[in-house]
């Protein structure tokens, strides 16, 4: 059985959200600080741990940040204050250009 996984940007709540079969199962919060987005917390419902959803969430969020930068001709940087986001960047050095 295949699951439908979707990541979206909830600007009103300042977070990226991940849903599995339309059920919210996690999020990564951030707040703007100058020209940076400070990612300060990532959470995945314990019932969904071990499925790689945190990595999917952060990878998708970083892709959306890059798309928004291109669209808005901006040059934001990401401050990975959350330990999960920081470790994701360590495992994905190809995205180091985003880190402040």
PDB file of N, CA and C in Angstrom:
ATOM      1  N   UNK A   1       0.845  -1.186   0.000  1.00  0.00           N
ATOM      2  CA  UNK A   1       0.000   0.000   0.000  1.00  0.00           C
ATOM      3  C   UNK A   1       0.887   1.244   0.000  1.00  0.00           C
ATOM      4  N   UNK A   2       0.678   2.111  -0.938  1.00  0.00           N
ATOM      5  CA  UNK A   2       1.461   3.322  -1.099  1.00  0.00           C
ATOM      6  C   UNK A   2       0.800   4.490  -0.369  1.00  0.00           C
ATOM      7  N   UNK A   3       1.638   5.311   0.260  1.00  0.00           N
ATOM      8  CA  UNK A   3       1.125   6.480   0.954  1.00  0.00           C
ATOM      9  C   UNK A   3       1.335   7.719   0.107  1.00  0.00           C
ATOM     10  N   UNK A   4       0.393   8.647   0.185  1.00  0.00           N
ATOM     11  CA  UNK A   4       0.508   9.925  -0.493  1.00  0.00           C
ATOM     12  C   UNK A   4       1.131  10.923   0.477  1.00  0.00           C
ATOM     13  N   UNK A   5       2.364  11.366   0.189  1.00  0.00           N
ATOM     14  CA  UNK A   5       3.082  12.299   1.053  1.00  0.00           C
ATOM     15  C   UNK A   5       3.130  13.657   0.361  1.00  0.00           C
ATOM     16  N   UNK A   6       2.763  14.704   1.108  1.00  0.00           N
ATOM     17  CA  UNK A   6       2.748  16.051   0.544  1.00  0.00           C
ATOM     18  C   UNK A   6       3.335  17.033   1.549  1.00  0.00           C
ATOM     19  N   UNK A   7       4.193  17.923   1.055  1.00  0.00           N
ATOM     20  CA  UNK A   7       4.770  18.975   1.883  1.00  0.00           C
ATOM     21  C   UNK A   7       4.248  20.307   1.364  1.00  0.00           C
ATOM     22  N   UNK A   8       3.842  21.176   2.291  1.00  0.00           N
ATOM     23  CA  UNK A   8       3.331  22.489   1.906  1.00  0.00           C
ATOM     24  C   UNK A   8       3.897  23.555   2.840  1.00  0.00           C
ATOM     25  N   UNK A   9       3.821  24.798   2.375  1.00  0.00           N
ATOM     26  CA  UNK A   9       4.287  25.937   3.165  1.00  0.00           C
ATOM     27  C   UNK A   9       3.071  26.629   3.753  1.00  0.00           C
ATOM     28  N   UNK A  10       2.990  26.687   5.054  1.00  0.00           N
ATOM     29  CA  UNK A  10       1.913  27.381   5.747  1.00  0.00           C
ATOM     30  C   UNK A  10       2.497  28.705   6.228  1.00  0.00           C
ATOM     31  N   UNK A  11       2.389  29.736   5.374  1.00  0.00           N
ATOM     32  CA  UNK A  11       2.985  31.034   5.702  1.00  0.00           C
ATOM     33  C   UNK A  11       2.375  31.651   6.946  1.00  0.00           C
ATOM     34  N   UNK A  12       1.076  31.508   7.130  1.00  0.00           N
ATOM     35  CA  UNK A  12       0.397  32.096   8.286  1.00  0.00           C
ATOM     36  C   UNK A  12       0.958  31.573   9.597  1.00  0.00           C
ATOM     37  N   UNK A  13       1.333  30.305   9.635  1.00  0.00           N
ATOM     38  CA  UNK A  13       1.883  29.684  10.836  1.00  0.00           C
ATOM     39  C   UNK A  13       3.415  29.691  10.849  1.00  0.00           C
ATOM     40  N   UNK A  14       4.028  30.209   9.791  1.00  0.00           N
ATOM     41  CA  UNK A  14       5.478  30.221   9.611  1.00  0.00           C
ATOM     42  C   UNK A  14       6.067  28.831   9.813  1.00  0.00           C
ATOM     43  N   UNK A  15       5.563  27.903   8.995  1.00  0.00           N
ATOM     44  CA  UNK A  15       6.083  26.544   9.075  1.00  0.00           C
ATOM     45  C   UNK A  15       5.819  25.794   7.776  1.00  0.00           C
ATOM     46  N   UNK A  16       6.635  24.764   7.558  1.00  0.00           N
ATOM     47  CA  UNK A  16       6.441  23.823   6.466  1.00  0.00           C
ATOM     48  C   UNK A  16       5.815  22.589   7.095  1.00  0.00           C
ATOM     49  N   UNK A  17       4.813  22.037   6.428  1.00  0.00           N
ATOM     50  CA  UNK A  17       4.054  20.926   6.978  1.00  0.00           C
ATOM     51  C   UNK A  17       4.138  19.713   6.061  1.00  0.00           C
ATOM     52  N   UNK A  18       4.128  18.538   6.667  1.00  0.00           N
ATOM     53  CA  UNK A  18       4.121  17.301   5.891  1.00  0.00           C
ATOM     54  C   UNK A  18       2.868  16.512   6.267  1.00  0.00           C
ATOM     55  N   UNK A  19       2.197  16.044   5.225  1.00  0.00           N
ATOM     56  CA  UNK A  19       0.989  15.251   5.411  1.00  0.00           C
ATOM     57  C   UNK A  19       1.168  13.894   4.732  1.00  0.00           C
ATOM     58  N   UNK A  20       0.611  12.877   5.378  1.00  0.00           N
ATOM     59  CA  UNK A  20       0.567  11.538   4.808  1.00  0.00           C
ATOM     60  C   UNK A  20      -0.905  11.195   4.657  1.00  0.00           C
ATOM     61  N   UNK A  21      -1.307  10.919   3.421  1.00  0.00           N
ATOM     62  CA  UNK A  21      -2.716  10.644   3.133  1.00  0.00           C
ATOM     63  C   UNK A  21      -3.620  11.719   3.740  1.00  0.00           C
ATOM     64  N   UNK A  22      -3.208  12.984   3.551  1.00  0.00           N
ATOM     65  CA  UNK A  22      -3.944  14.180   3.969  1.00  0.00           C
ATOM     66  C   UNK A  22      -3.984  14.406   5.479  1.00  0.00           C
ATOM     67  N   UNK A  23      -3.248  13.621   6.259  1.00  0.00           N
ATOM     68  CA  UNK A  23      -3.187  13.785   7.709  1.00  0.00           C
ATOM     69  C   UNK A  23      -1.876  14.507   8.052  1.00  0.00           C
ATOM     70  N   UNK A  24      -1.970  15.612   8.794  1.00  0.00           N
ATOM     71  CA  UNK A  24      -0.778  16.339   9.216  1.00  0.00           C
ATOM     72  C   UNK A  24       0.021  15.467  10.174  1.00  0.00           C
ATOM     73  N   UNK A  25       1.264  15.154   9.806  1.00  0.00           N
ATOM     74  CA  UNK A  25       2.094  14.286  10.645  1.00  0.00           C
ATOM     75  C   UNK A  25       3.378  14.957  11.114  1.00  0.00           C
ATOM     76  N   UNK A  26       3.636  16.183  10.654  1.00  0.00           N
ATOM     77  CA  UNK A  26       4.841  16.860  11.095  1.00  0.00           C
ATOM     78  C   UNK A  26       4.956  18.253  10.531  1.00  0.00           C
ATOM     79  N   UNK A  27       5.943  18.991  11.075  1.00  0.00           N
ATOM     80  CA  UNK A  27       6.164  20.356  10.618  1.00  0.00           C
ATOM     81  C   UNK A  27       7.561  20.817  11.015  1.00  0.00           C
ATOM     82  N   UNK A  28       8.019  21.856  10.339  1.00  0.00           N
ATOM     83  CA  UNK A  28       9.269  22.531  10.665  1.00  0.00           C
ATOM     84  C   UNK A  28       8.953  24.019  10.753  1.00  0.00           C
ATOM     85  N   UNK A  29       9.167  24.605  11.934  1.00  0.00           N
ATOM     86  CA  UNK A  29       8.853  26.017  12.127  1.00  0.00           C
ATOM     87  C   UNK A  29      10.090  26.878  11.873  1.00  0.00           C
ATOM     88  N   UNK A  30       9.821  28.119  11.513  1.00  0.00           N
ATOM     89  CA  UNK A  30      10.885  29.082  11.249  1.00  0.00           C
ATOM     90  C   UNK A  30      10.378  30.471  11.609  1.00  0.00           C
ATOM     91  N   UNK A  31      11.299  31.406  11.708  1.00  0.00           N
ATOM     92  CA  UNK A  31      10.905  32.808  11.811  1.00  0.00           C
ATOM     93  C   UNK A  31      11.915  33.622  11.015  1.00  0.00           C
ATOM     94  N   UNK A  32      11.433  34.699  10.377  1.00  0.00           N
ATOM     95  CA  UNK A  32      12.340  35.548   9.612  1.00  0.00           C
ATOM     96  C   UNK A  32      13.169  36.420  10.557  1.00  0.00           C
ATOM     97  N   UNK A  33      14.438  36.596  10.197  1.00  0.00           N
ATOM     98  CA  UNK A  33      15.325  37.496  10.942  1.00  0.00           C
ATOM     99  C   UNK A  33      16.221  38.170   9.918  1.00  0.00           C
ATOM    100  N   UNK A  34      15.896  39.400   9.594  1.00  0.00           N
ATOM    101  CA  UNK A  34      16.644  40.114   8.562  1.00  0.00           C
ATOM    102  C   UNK A  34      16.511  39.403   7.229  1.00  0.00           C
ATOM    103  N   UNK A  35      17.640  39.036   6.640  1.00  0.00           N
ATOM    104  CA  UNK A  35      17.663  38.325   5.362  1.00  0.00           C
ATOM    105  C   UNK A  35      17.738  36.810   5.555  1.00  0.00           C
ATOM    106  N   UNK A  36      17.399  36.356   6.753  1.00  0.00           N
ATOM    107  CA  UNK A  36      17.507  34.930   7.057  1.00  0.00           C
ATOM    108  C   UNK A  36      16.172  34.340   7.501  1.00  0.00           C
ATOM    109  N   UNK A  37      16.076  33.025   7.335  1.00  0.00           N
ATOM    110  CA  UNK A  37      14.972  32.259   7.895  1.00  0.00           C
ATOM    111  C   UNK A  37      15.584  31.340   8.941  1.00  0.00           C
ATOM    112  N   UNK A  38      15.185  31.525  10.187  1.00  0.00           N
ATOM    113  CA  UNK A  38      15.729  30.741  11.285  1.00  0.00           C
ATOM    114  C   UNK A  38      14.804  29.550  11.527  1.00  0.00           C
ATOM    115  N   UNK A  39      15.287  28.355  11.203  1.00  0.00           N
ATOM    116  CA  UNK A  39      14.510  27.133  11.438  1.00  0.00           C
ATOM    117  C   UNK A  39      14.810  26.686  12.866  1.00  0.00           C
ATOM    118  N   UNK A  40      13.781  26.727  13.714  1.00  0.00           N
ATOM    119  CA  UNK A  40      14.003  26.507  15.138  1.00  0.00           C
ATOM    120  C   UNK A  40      13.375  25.237  15.719  1.00  0.00           C
ATOM    121  N   UNK A  41      12.560  24.519  14.943  1.00  0.00           N
ATOM    122  CA  UNK A  41      11.952  23.305  15.494  1.00  0.00           C
ATOM    123  C   UNK A  41      11.418  22.432  14.367  1.00  0.00           C
ATOM    124  N   UNK A  42      11.656  21.141  14.485  1.00  0.00           N
ATOM    125  CA  UNK A  42      11.092  20.152  13.560  1.00  0.00           C
ATOM    126  C   UNK A  42      10.448  19.062  14.404  1.00  0.00           C
ATOM    127  N   UNK A  43       9.267  18.664  13.997  1.00  0.00           N
ATOM    128  CA  UNK A  43       8.553  17.639  14.766  1.00  0.00           C
ATOM    129  C   UNK A  43       7.810  16.697  13.822  1.00  0.00           C
ATOM    130  N   UNK A  44       7.955  15.411  14.078  1.00  0.00           N
ATOM    131  CA  UNK A  44       7.219  14.370  13.346  1.00  0.00           C
ATOM    132  C   UNK A  44       6.455  13.555  14.384  1.00  0.00           C
ATOM    133  N   UNK A  45       5.193  13.287  14.107  1.00  0.00           N
ATOM    134  CA  UNK A  45       4.366  12.472  15.003  1.00  0.00           C
ATOM    135  C   UNK A  45       5.091  11.149  15.265  1.00  0.00           C
ATOM    136  N   UNK A  46       5.232  10.763  16.543  1.00  0.00           N
ATOM    137  CA  UNK A  46       5.944   9.516  16.859  1.00  0.00           C
ATOM    138  C   UNK A  46       5.416   8.286  16.119  1.00  0.00           C
ATOM    139  N   UNK A  47       4.139   8.269  15.776  1.00  0.00           N
ATOM    140  CA  UNK A  47       3.575   7.129  15.044  1.00  0.00           C
ATOM    141  C   UNK A  47       4.178   7.008  13.643  1.00  0.00           C
ATOM    142  N   UNK A  48       4.850   8.072  13.173  1.00  0.00           N
ATOM    143  CA  UNK A  48       5.421   8.082  11.826  1.00  0.00           C
ATOM    144  C   UNK A  48       6.951   8.111  11.845  1.00  0.00           C
ATOM    145  N   UNK A  49       7.556   7.959  13.022  1.00  0.00           N
ATOM    146  CA  UNK A  49       9.021   7.939  13.104  1.00  0.00           C
ATOM    147  C   UNK A  49       9.585   6.762  12.321  1.00  0.00           C
ATOM    148  N   UNK A  50      10.805   6.913  11.843  1.00  0.00           N
ATOM    149  CA  UNK A  50      11.509   5.827  11.174  1.00  0.00           C
ATOM    150  C   UNK A  50      11.145   5.637   9.718  1.00  0.00           C
ATOM    151  N   UNK A  51      10.365   6.558   9.158  1.00  0.00           N
ATOM    152  CA  UNK A  51       9.956   6.449   7.759  1.00  0.00           C
ATOM    153  C   UNK A  51      10.666   7.450   6.854  1.00  0.00           C
ATOM    154  N   UNK A  52      11.580   8.234   7.428  1.00  0.00           N
ATOM    155  CA  UNK A  52      12.311   9.219   6.635  1.00  0.00           C
ATOM    156  C   UNK A  52      11.515  10.478   6.328  1.00  0.00           C
ATOM    157  N   UNK A  53      10.402  10.674   7.025  1.00  0.00           N
ATOM    158  CA  UNK A  53       9.543  11.822   6.721  1.00  0.00           C
ATOM    159  C   UNK A  53      10.174  13.150   7.122  1.00  0.00           C
ATOM    160  N   UNK A  54      10.987  13.147   8.172  1.00  0.00           N
ATOM    161  CA  UNK A  54      11.678  14.375   8.561  1.00  0.00           C
ATOM    162  C   UNK A  54      12.609  14.845   7.459  1.00  0.00           C
ATOM    163  N   UNK A  55      13.342  13.926   6.872  1.00  0.00           N
ATOM    164  CA  UNK A  55      14.255  14.270   5.775  1.00  0.00           C
ATOM    165  C   UNK A  55      13.483  14.752   4.554  1.00  0.00           C
ATOM    166  N   UNK A  56      12.359  14.105   4.261  1.00  0.00           N
ATOM    167  CA  UNK A  56      11.523  14.546   3.133  1.00  0.00           C
ATOM    168  C   UNK A  56      11.011  15.957   3.399  1.00  0.00           C
ATOM    169  N   UNK A  57      10.579  16.216   4.628  1.00  0.00           N
ATOM    170  CA  UNK A  57      10.067  17.535   5.001  1.00  0.00           C
ATOM    171  C   UNK A  57      11.127  18.610   4.801  1.00  0.00           C
ATOM    172  N   UNK A  58      12.325  18.400   5.328  1.00  0.00           N
ATOM    173  CA  UNK A  58      13.369  19.424   5.234  1.00  0.00           C
ATOM    174  C   UNK A  58      13.868  19.581   3.804  1.00  0.00           C
ATOM    175  N   UNK A  59      14.041  18.490   3.085  1.00  0.00           N
ATOM    176  CA  UNK A  59      14.468  18.585   1.682  1.00  0.00           C
ATOM    177  C   UNK A  59      13.451  19.384   0.871  1.00  0.00           C
ATOM    178  N   UNK A  60      12.187  19.115   1.076  1.00  0.00           N
ATOM    179  CA  UNK A  60      11.138  19.835   0.352  1.00  0.00           C
ATOM    180  C   UNK A  60      11.087  21.298   0.776  1.00  0.00           C
ATOM    181  N   UNK A  61      11.229  21.547   2.071  1.00  0.00           N
ATOM    182  CA  UNK A  61      11.221  22.933   2.554  1.00  0.00           C
ATOM    183  C   UNK A  61      12.369  23.725   1.942  1.00  0.00           C
ATOM    184  N   UNK A  62      13.563  23.136   1.882  1.00  0.00           N
ATOM    185  CA  UNK A  62      14.715  23.848   1.306  1.00  0.00           C
ATOM    186  C   UNK A  62      14.518  24.090  -0.194  1.00  0.00           C
ATOM    187  N   UNK A  63      13.900  23.133  -0.880  1.00  0.00           N
ATOM    188  CA  UNK A  63      13.595  23.339  -2.299  1.00  0.00           C
ATOM    189  C   UNK A  63      12.607  24.495  -2.467  1.00  0.00           C
ATOM    190  N   UNK A  64      11.628  24.575  -1.577  1.00  0.00           N
ATOM    191  CA  UNK A  64      10.651  25.672  -1.652  1.00  0.00           C
ATOM    192  C   UNK A  64      11.300  27.018  -1.324  1.00  0.00           C
ATOM    193  N   UNK A  65      12.235  27.032  -0.381  1.00  0.00           N
ATOM    194  CA  UNK A  65      12.963  28.266  -0.055  1.00  0.00           C
ATOM    195  C   UNK A  65      13.738  28.723  -1.287  1.00  0.00           C
ATOM    196  N   UNK A  66      14.434  27.788  -1.950  1.00  0.00           N
ATOM    197  CA  UNK A  66      15.188  28.144  -3.154  1.00  0.00           C
ATOM    198  C   UNK A  66      14.270  28.667  -4.263  1.00  0.00           C
ATOM    199  N   UNK A  67      13.130  28.007  -4.459  1.00  0.00           N
ATOM    200  CA  UNK A  67      12.169  28.466  -5.476  1.00  0.00           C
ATOM    201  C   UNK A  67      11.671  29.866  -5.165  1.00  0.00           C
ATOM    202  N   UNK A  68      11.367  30.140  -3.905  1.00  0.00           N
ATOM    203  CA  UNK A  68      10.880  31.461  -3.507  1.00  0.00           C
ATOM    204  C   UNK A  68      11.958  32.525  -3.718  1.00  0.00           C
ATOM    205  N   UNK A  69      13.218  32.164  -3.460  1.00  0.00           N
ATOM    206  CA  UNK A  69      14.303  33.121  -3.670  1.00  0.00           C
ATOM    207  C   UNK A  69      14.407  33.501  -5.138  1.00  0.00           C
ATOM    208  N   UNK A  70      14.290  32.528  -6.012  1.00  0.00           N
ATOM    209  CA  UNK A  70      14.367  32.798  -7.446  1.00  0.00           C
ATOM    210  C   UNK A  70      13.185  33.674  -7.871  1.00  0.00           C
ATOM    211  N   UNK A  71      12.006  33.286  -7.434  1.00  0.00           N
ATOM    212  CA  UNK A  71      10.786  34.016  -7.802  1.00  0.00           C
ATOM    213  C   UNK A  71      10.822  35.460  -7.314  1.00  0.00           C
ATOM    214  N   UNK A  72      11.300  35.671  -6.099  1.00  0.00           N
ATOM    215  CA  UNK A  72      11.300  37.005  -5.505  1.00  0.00           C
ATOM    216  C   UNK A  72      12.631  37.729  -5.668  1.00  0.00           C
ATOM    217  N   UNK A  73      13.571  37.114  -6.393  1.00  0.00           N
ATOM    218  CA  UNK A  73      14.902  37.669  -6.597  1.00  0.00           C
ATOM    219  C   UNK A  73      15.524  38.076  -5.263  1.00  0.00           C
ATOM    220  N   UNK A  74      15.442  37.183  -4.298  1.00  0.00           N
ATOM    221  CA  UNK A  74      15.971  37.423  -2.961  1.00  0.00           C
ATOM    222  C   UNK A  74      17.192  36.541  -2.728  1.00  0.00           C
ATOM    223  N   UNK A  75      17.890  36.801  -1.659  1.00  0.00           N
ATOM    224  CA  UNK A  75      19.058  35.974  -1.326  1.00  0.00           C
ATOM    225  C   UNK A  75      19.040  35.632   0.156  1.00  0.00           C
ATOM    226  N   UNK A  76      17.960  35.004   0.594  1.00  0.00           N
ATOM    227  CA  UNK A  76      17.838  34.595   1.985  1.00  0.00           C
ATOM    228  C   UNK A  76      18.865  33.528   2.317  1.00  0.00           C
ATOM    229  N   UNK A  77      19.118  33.424   3.574  1.00  0.00           N
ATOM    230  CA  UNK A  77      19.954  32.350   4.107  1.00  0.00           C
ATOM    231  C   UNK A  77      19.151  31.619   5.168  1.00  0.00           C
ATOM    232  N   UNK A  78      19.502  30.385   5.407  1.00  0.00           N
ATOM    233  CA  UNK A  78      18.836  29.570   6.411  1.00  0.00           C
ATOM    234  C   UNK A  78      19.755  29.436   7.621  1.00  0.00           C
ATOM    235  N   UNK A  79      19.189  29.697   8.791  1.00  0.00           N
ATOM    236  CA  UNK A  79      19.912  29.502  10.041  1.00  0.00           C
ATOM    237  C   UNK A  79      19.331  28.236  10.680  1.00  0.00           C
ATOM    238  N   UNK A  80      20.086  27.144  10.679  1.00  0.00           N
ATOM    239  CA  UNK A  80      19.572  25.872  11.203  1.00  0.00           C
ATOM    240  C   UNK A  80      19.727  25.766  12.720  1.00  0.00           C
ATOM    241  N   UNK A  81      18.886  26.474  13.459  1.00  0.00           N
ATOM    242  CA  UNK A  81      18.945  26.425  14.922  1.00  0.00           C
ATOM    243  C   UNK A  81      18.424  25.083  15.455  1.00  0.00           C
ATOM    244  N   UNK A  82      17.515  24.468  14.714  1.00  0.00           N
ATOM    245  CA  UNK A  82      16.991  23.147  15.071  1.00  0.00           C
ATOM    246  C   UNK A  82      18.064  22.093  14.774  1.00  0.00           C
ATOM    247  N   UNK A  83      18.306  21.199  15.725  1.00  0.00           N
ATOM    248  CA  UNK A  83      19.363  20.201  15.537  1.00  0.00           C
ATOM    249  C   UNK A  83      19.069  19.262  14.365  1.00  0.00           C
ATOM    250  N   UNK A  84      17.796  18.971  14.112  1.00  0.00           N
ATOM    251  CA  UNK A  84      17.463  18.092  12.994  1.00  0.00           C
ATOM    252  C   UNK A  84      17.813  18.762  11.665  1.00  0.00           C
ATOM    253  N   UNK A  85      17.483  20.041  11.539  1.00  0.00           N
ATOM    254  CA  UNK A  85      17.798  20.775  10.307  1.00  0.00           C
ATOM    255  C   UNK A  85      19.320  20.889  10.144  1.00  0.00           C
ATOM    256  N   UNK A  86      20.017  21.163  11.234  1.00  0.00           N
ATOM    257  CA  UNK A  86      21.483  21.260  11.169  1.00  0.00           C
ATOM    258  C   UNK A  86      22.097  19.936  10.720  1.00  0.00           C
ATOM    259  N   UNK A  87      21.611  18.822  11.242  1.00  0.00           N
ATOM    260  CA  UNK A  87      22.170  17.528  10.836  1.00  0.00           C
ATOM    261  C   UNK A  87      21.793  17.204   9.393  1.00  0.00           C
ATOM    262  N   UNK A  88      20.622  17.656   8.936  1.00  0.00           N
ATOM    263  CA  UNK A  88      20.240  17.439   7.536  1.00  0.00           C
ATOM    264  C   UNK A  88      21.239  18.147   6.619  1.00  0.00           C
ATOM    265  N   UNK A  89      21.604  19.393   6.966  1.00  0.00           N
ATOM    266  CA  UNK A  89      22.576  20.122   6.149  1.00  0.00           C
ATOM    267  C   UNK A  89      23.935  19.429   6.165  1.00  0.00           C
ATOM    268  N   UNK A  90      24.321  18.842   7.286  1.00  0.00           N
ATOM    269  CA  UNK A  90      25.597  18.119   7.343  1.00  0.00           C
ATOM    270  C   UNK A  90      25.583  16.914   6.406  1.00  0.00           C
ATOM    271  N   UNK A  91      24.432  16.256   6.284  1.00  0.00           N
ATOM    272  CA  UNK A  91      24.314  15.093   5.399  1.00  0.00           C
ATOM    273  C   UNK A  91      24.113  15.497   3.939  1.00  0.00           C
ATOM    274  N   UNK A  92      23.794  16.764   3.683  1.00  0.00           N
ATOM    275  CA  UNK A  92      23.529  17.240   2.324  1.00  0.00           C
ATOM    276  C   UNK A  92      24.338  18.502   2.028  1.00  0.00           C
ATOM    277  N   UNK A  93      25.666  18.366   1.925  1.00  0.00           N
ATOM    278  CA  UNK A  93      26.520  19.536   1.703  1.00  0.00           C
ATOM    279  C   UNK A  93      26.244  20.241   0.377  1.00  0.00           C
ATOM    280  N   UNK A  94      25.536  19.585  -0.525  1.00  0.00           N
ATOM    281  CA  UNK A  94      25.199  20.241  -1.797  1.00  0.00           C
ATOM    282  C   UNK A  94      24.253  21.427  -1.600  1.00  0.00           C
ATOM    283  N   UNK A  95      23.683  21.561  -0.409  1.00  0.00           N
ATOM    284  CA  UNK A  95      22.784  22.688  -0.099  1.00  0.00           C
ATOM    285  C   UNK A  95      23.440  23.703   0.827  1.00  0.00           C
ATOM    286  N   UNK A  96      24.745  23.607   1.008  1.00  0.00           N
ATOM    287  CA  UNK A  96      25.464  24.487   1.932  1.00  0.00           C
ATOM    288  C   UNK A  96      25.348  25.954   1.548  1.00  0.00           C
ATOM    289  N   UNK A  97      25.069  26.248   0.277  1.00  0.00           N
ATOM    290  CA  UNK A  97      24.922  27.625  -0.158  1.00  0.00           C
ATOM    291  C   UNK A  97      23.742  28.322   0.511  1.00  0.00           C
ATOM    292  N   UNK A  98      22.827  27.574   1.086  1.00  0.00           N
ATOM    293  CA  UNK A  98      21.677  28.161   1.767  1.00  0.00           C
ATOM    294  C   UNK A  98      21.984  28.553   3.209  1.00  0.00           C
ATOM    295  N   UNK A  99      23.009  27.977   3.801  1.00  0.00           N
ATOM    296  CA  UNK A  99      23.267  28.164   5.223  1.00  0.00           C
ATOM    297  C   UNK A  99      23.948  29.507   5.490  1.00  0.00           C
ATOM    298  N   UNK A 100      23.418  30.195   6.492  1.00  0.00           N
ATOM    299  CA  UNK A 100      23.985  31.513   6.873  1.00  0.00           C
ATOM    300  C   UNK A 100      25.273  31.316   7.628  1.00  0.00           C
TER     301      UNK A 100
END
